[in-house]
């Protein structure tokens, strides 16, 4: 489906394969063997609905269902929106896997988890979309996200433009770009049955490994002898 206003003929249309994005997220979460799965929408965006459909379809082939969060309509301040989201997240059977329409909304999911006292990734794992490094790397925990090969996107765009220049009267070309890969970060690095000292050591390594952290500093605290 082209964006509003794009003619059906006379122009090339490049878009991401939204269903494939949802399927990739579902496969990643299914590998973690979680108690529930959910999707957080980007309200009003057609591509968000298509990502959700691919996510649900992939889960259904594995006999799993998905919860869905659609933000209520009407004006609400940021605090009220986060409270609504936090209450919904609290009701998910744990551990839960949450796929989010885009990285900026994934940040809100982390904020809502923090507000509700939900541990990420121990109780909820989070996958965003777009792999915006500025967003994903500065979040705490860092956000796992689906990435795209933008070099391939550029090549496809150039190819479509060249074809139109060679044959100006041809019908509109619709090219779908599949997701490249999932970049795994802290929001999906879930340790099963790990105690709190191991989790704390892991988080310390994740945030300070490139800033002079010594191995002895990352060792879990040992109980005193005697």
Protein backbone atom coordinates (compact mmCIF):
# COMPACT_ATOMS: atom_id res chain seq x y z
CA UNK A 1 0.00 0.00 0.00
CA UNK A 2 1.60 3.30 -1.03
CA UNK A 3 1.49 6.29 1.34
CA UNK A 4 -1.43 8.69 0.96
CA UNK A 5 -1.14 10.81 -2.17
CA UNK A 6 1.26 8.57 -4.11
CA UNK A 7 -0.21 7.75 -7.53
CA UNK A 8 -0.57 4.13 -8.54
CA UNK A 9 1.23 4.71 -11.86
CA UNK A 10 4.07 6.89 -13.07
CA UNK A 11 6.23 6.67 -9.93
CA UNK A 12 8.35 4.09 -8.18
CA UNK A 13 7.52 3.15 -4.62
CA UNK A 14 10.10 1.64 -2.26
CA UNK A 15 8.97 0.41 1.12
CA UNK A 16 10.03 -2.03 3.78
CA UNK A 17 8.50 -5.50 3.85
CA UNK A 18 6.47 -4.86 6.98
CA UNK A 19 5.21 -8.44 7.32
CA UNK A 20 8.78 -9.78 7.15
CA UNK A 21 9.79 -7.37 9.93
CA UNK A 22 7.06 -8.76 12.19
CA UNK A 23 8.03 -12.33 11.33
CA UNK A 24 11.69 -11.71 12.20
CA UNK A 25 10.73 -10.29 15.60
CA UNK A 26 8.44 -13.25 16.29
CA UNK A 27 11.17 -15.79 15.46
CA UNK A 28 13.60 -14.08 17.83
CA UNK A 29 11.11 -14.01 20.70
CA UNK A 30 9.96 -17.59 20.11
CA UNK A 31 13.55 -18.76 20.55
CA UNK A 32 13.45 -17.37 24.11
CA UNK A 33 10.50 -19.64 25.07
CA UNK A 34 8.51 -16.94 26.87
CA UNK A 35 5.13 -17.08 28.62
CA UNK A 36 3.49 -14.41 26.44
CA UNK A 37 4.07 -12.23 23.40
CA UNK A 38 2.85 -8.71 22.63
CA UNK A 39 3.01 -5.87 20.14
CA UNK A 40 3.05 -2.12 20.85
CA UNK A 41 1.67 -0.17 17.91
CA UNK A 42 2.50 3.20 16.42
CA UNK A 43 -1.07 4.55 16.31
CA UNK A 44 -2.50 5.53 12.95
CA UNK A 45 0.38 4.24 10.81
CA UNK A 46 -0.58 1.68 8.15
CA UNK A 47 2.89 0.10 8.24
CA UNK A 48 2.51 -0.49 11.98
CA UNK A 49 -0.62 -2.53 11.33
CA UNK A 50 1.17 -4.56 8.66
CA UNK A 51 4.10 -5.27 11.01
CA UNK A 52 1.64 -6.46 13.63
CA UNK A 53 -0.07 -8.77 11.10
CA UNK A 54 3.26 -10.41 10.20
CA UNK A 55 4.12 -10.78 13.90
CA UNK A 56 0.77 -12.38 14.75
CA UNK A 57 0.90 -14.69 11.74
CA UNK A 58 4.37 -15.98 12.64
CA UNK A 59 3.30 -16.61 16.22
CA UNK A 60 0.13 -18.38 15.11
CA UNK A 61 2.13 -20.91 13.06
CA UNK A 62 3.78 -21.84 16.37
CA UNK A 63 0.42 -22.00 18.19
CA UNK A 64 1.06 -18.79 20.12
CA UNK A 65 -1.18 -15.75 20.54
CA UNK A 66 -0.21 -12.09 20.80
CA UNK A 67 -1.48 -9.27 22.97
CA UNK A 68 -1.68 -5.84 21.36
CA UNK A 69 -1.40 -2.37 22.83
CA UNK A 70 -3.05 0.51 21.01
CA UNK A 71 -2.76 3.81 22.77
CA UNK A 72 -6.17 5.29 23.66
CA UNK A 73 -7.26 8.20 21.52
CA UNK A 74 -7.59 11.70 22.94
CA UNK A 75 -5.16 14.14 24.47
CA UNK A 76 -3.03 12.77 27.30
CA UNK A 77 0.18 14.04 28.78
CA UNK A 78 3.31 11.91 28.71
CA UNK A 79 2.89 10.77 32.33
CA UNK A 80 -0.67 9.53 31.77
CA UNK A 81 0.38 7.72 28.59
CA UNK A 82 3.22 5.99 30.44
CA UNK A 83 0.93 4.97 33.29
CA UNK A 84 -1.56 3.45 30.84
CA UNK A 85 1.23 1.54 29.11
CA UNK A 86 2.76 0.45 32.45
CA UNK A 87 -0.57 -0.96 33.66
CA UNK A 88 -0.93 -2.93 30.44
CA UNK A 89 2.61 -4.29 30.71
CA UNK A 90 1.98 -5.39 34.31
CA UNK A 91 -0.92 -7.56 33.15
CA UNK A 92 1.17 -9.52 30.63
CA UNK A 93 2.04 -13.07 31.78
CA UNK A 94 5.77 -13.10 32.62
CA UNK A 95 8.28 -13.53 31.17
CA UNK A 96 6.90 -11.63 28.19
CA UNK A 97 8.31 -10.68 24.81
CA UNK A 98 7.32 -7.26 23.50
CA UNK A 99 7.84 -6.24 19.87
CA UNK A 100 7.58 -2.48 19.32
CA UNK A 101 6.74 -0.64 16.09
CA UNK A 102 9.81 1.64 16.29
CA UNK A 103 12.75 2.40 18.55
CA UNK A 104 11.43 5.69 19.97
CA UNK A 105 8.35 3.90 21.27
CA UNK A 106 10.57 1.12 22.65
CA UNK A 107 12.16 3.78 24.87
CA UNK A 108 8.70 4.54 26.23
CA UNK A 109 8.19 0.84 26.92
CA UNK A 110 11.40 0.81 28.98
CA UNK A 111 10.25 3.92 30.87
CA UNK A 112 6.89 2.30 31.57
CA UNK A 113 8.61 -0.87 32.81
CA UNK A 114 10.75 1.23 35.15
CA UNK A 115 7.64 3.01 36.44
CA UNK A 116 5.90 -0.34 37.06
CA UNK A 117 8.93 -2.02 38.67
CA UNK A 118 9.22 -4.55 35.82
CA UNK A 119 12.75 -5.84 35.19
CA UNK A 120 14.08 -5.73 31.62
CA UNK A 121 15.09 -8.21 30.27
CA UNK A 122 14.38 -10.59 33.17
CA UNK A 123 10.56 -10.12 33.19
CA UNK A 124 10.05 -8.47 29.81
CA UNK A 125 12.29 -8.54 26.74
CA UNK A 126 11.92 -5.72 24.21
CA UNK A 127 12.62 -5.56 20.47
CA UNK A 128 12.43 -2.26 18.59
CA UNK A 129 12.58 -1.47 14.88
CA UNK A 130 14.89 0.75 12.75
CA UNK A 131 18.11 0.16 14.73
CA UNK A 132 18.57 3.87 15.43
CA UNK A 133 21.93 3.66 17.19
CA UNK A 134 21.53 7.00 18.97
CA UNK A 135 18.27 5.79 20.50
CA UNK A 136 19.17 2.15 21.10
CA UNK A 137 22.68 2.63 22.53
CA UNK A 138 21.73 5.40 24.96
CA UNK A 139 18.71 3.57 26.43
CA UNK A 140 19.12 1.58 29.63
CA UNK A 141 19.14 -1.26 29.03
CA UNK A 142 20.24 -0.86 25.45
CA UNK A 143 17.54 -1.83 22.94
CA UNK A 144 17.70 -4.80 20.57
CA UNK A 145 16.35 -3.66 17.23
CA UNK A 146 15.64 -4.81 13.68
CA UNK A 147 18.08 -3.27 11.20
CA UNK A 148 17.88 -2.57 7.48
CA UNK A 149 20.57 -2.58 4.82
CA UNK A 150 20.34 1.04 3.69
CA UNK A 151 22.99 0.47 1.02
CA UNK A 152 20.63 -2.04 -0.56
CA UNK A 153 17.81 0.50 -0.27
CA UNK A 154 19.90 3.06 -2.15
CA UNK A 155 20.77 0.54 -4.86
CA UNK A 156 17.11 -0.39 -5.32
CA UNK A 157 16.14 3.28 -5.55
CA UNK A 158 18.82 3.94 -8.17
CA UNK A 159 17.74 0.87 -10.13
CA UNK A 160 14.10 1.98 -10.10
CA UNK A 161 15.02 5.52 -11.14
CA UNK A 162 17.17 4.23 -14.00
CA UNK A 163 14.32 2.01 -15.22
CA UNK A 164 11.90 4.95 -15.19
CA UNK A 165 14.34 7.10 -17.12
CA UNK A 166 14.77 4.37 -19.72
CA UNK A 167 11.04 3.76 -20.04
CA UNK A 168 9.10 6.77 -18.68
CA UNK A 169 5.68 5.33 -19.45
CA UNK A 170 6.01 2.11 -17.48
CA UNK A 171 3.72 1.27 -14.61
CA UNK A 172 4.60 2.12 -11.03
CA UNK A 173 7.21 -0.21 -9.57
CA UNK A 174 6.59 -1.37 -6.02
CA UNK A 175 9.77 -2.64 -4.38
CA UNK A 176 9.76 -4.13 -0.88
CA UNK A 177 12.98 -4.18 1.14
CA UNK A 178 13.32 -7.05 3.61
CA UNK A 179 14.89 -6.49 7.04
CA UNK A 180 18.61 -7.17 7.19
CA UNK A 181 19.06 -8.59 10.68
CA UNK A 182 18.30 -8.19 14.38
CA UNK A 183 20.97 -6.32 16.35
CA UNK A 184 20.93 -7.90 19.80
CA UNK A 185 21.50 -5.65 22.80
CA UNK A 186 20.66 -5.61 26.48
CA UNK A 187 16.86 -5.61 26.22
CA UNK A 188 16.80 -9.24 25.02
CA UNK A 189 19.84 -10.66 26.85
CA UNK A 190 17.82 -12.64 29.32
CA UNK A 191 19.60 -15.04 31.67
CA UNK A 192 17.43 -17.89 32.82
CA UNK A 193 17.53 -18.60 36.55
CA UNK A 194 20.55 -16.34 37.04
CA UNK A 195 20.96 -14.85 40.50
CA UNK A 196 21.08 -11.11 41.06
CA UNK A 197 24.88 -10.94 41.46
CA UNK A 198 25.42 -12.52 38.03
CA UNK A 199 22.87 -10.15 36.47
CA UNK A 200 24.57 -7.15 38.11
CA UNK A 201 27.99 -8.29 36.82
CA UNK A 202 26.57 -8.71 33.31
CA UNK A 203 25.06 -5.21 33.34
CA UNK A 204 28.34 -3.72 34.59
CA UNK A 205 30.28 -5.38 31.77
CA UNK A 206 27.70 -4.22 29.23
CA UNK A 207 27.96 -0.57 30.23
CA UNK A 208 31.67 -0.26 31.13
CA UNK A 209 33.53 -2.87 29.09
CA UNK A 210 35.08 -0.17 26.86
CA UNK A 211 35.99 2.26 29.62
CA UNK A 212 38.77 0.47 31.48
CA UNK A 213 36.71 -2.06 33.46
CA UNK A 214 38.92 -4.72 35.13
CA UNK A 215 37.88 -8.34 35.40
CA UNK A 216 38.14 -8.37 39.21
CA UNK A 217 35.71 -5.42 39.37
CA UNK A 218 33.09 -7.43 37.46
CA UNK A 219 33.32 -10.53 39.68
CA UNK A 220 30.16 -11.17 41.73
CA UNK A 221 30.58 -10.26 45.38
CA UNK A 222 31.52 -13.28 47.46
CA UNK A 223 30.13 -13.89 50.95
CA UNK A 224 32.70 -13.44 53.75
CA UNK A 225 34.48 -16.60 54.97
CA UNK A 226 33.71 -18.00 58.34
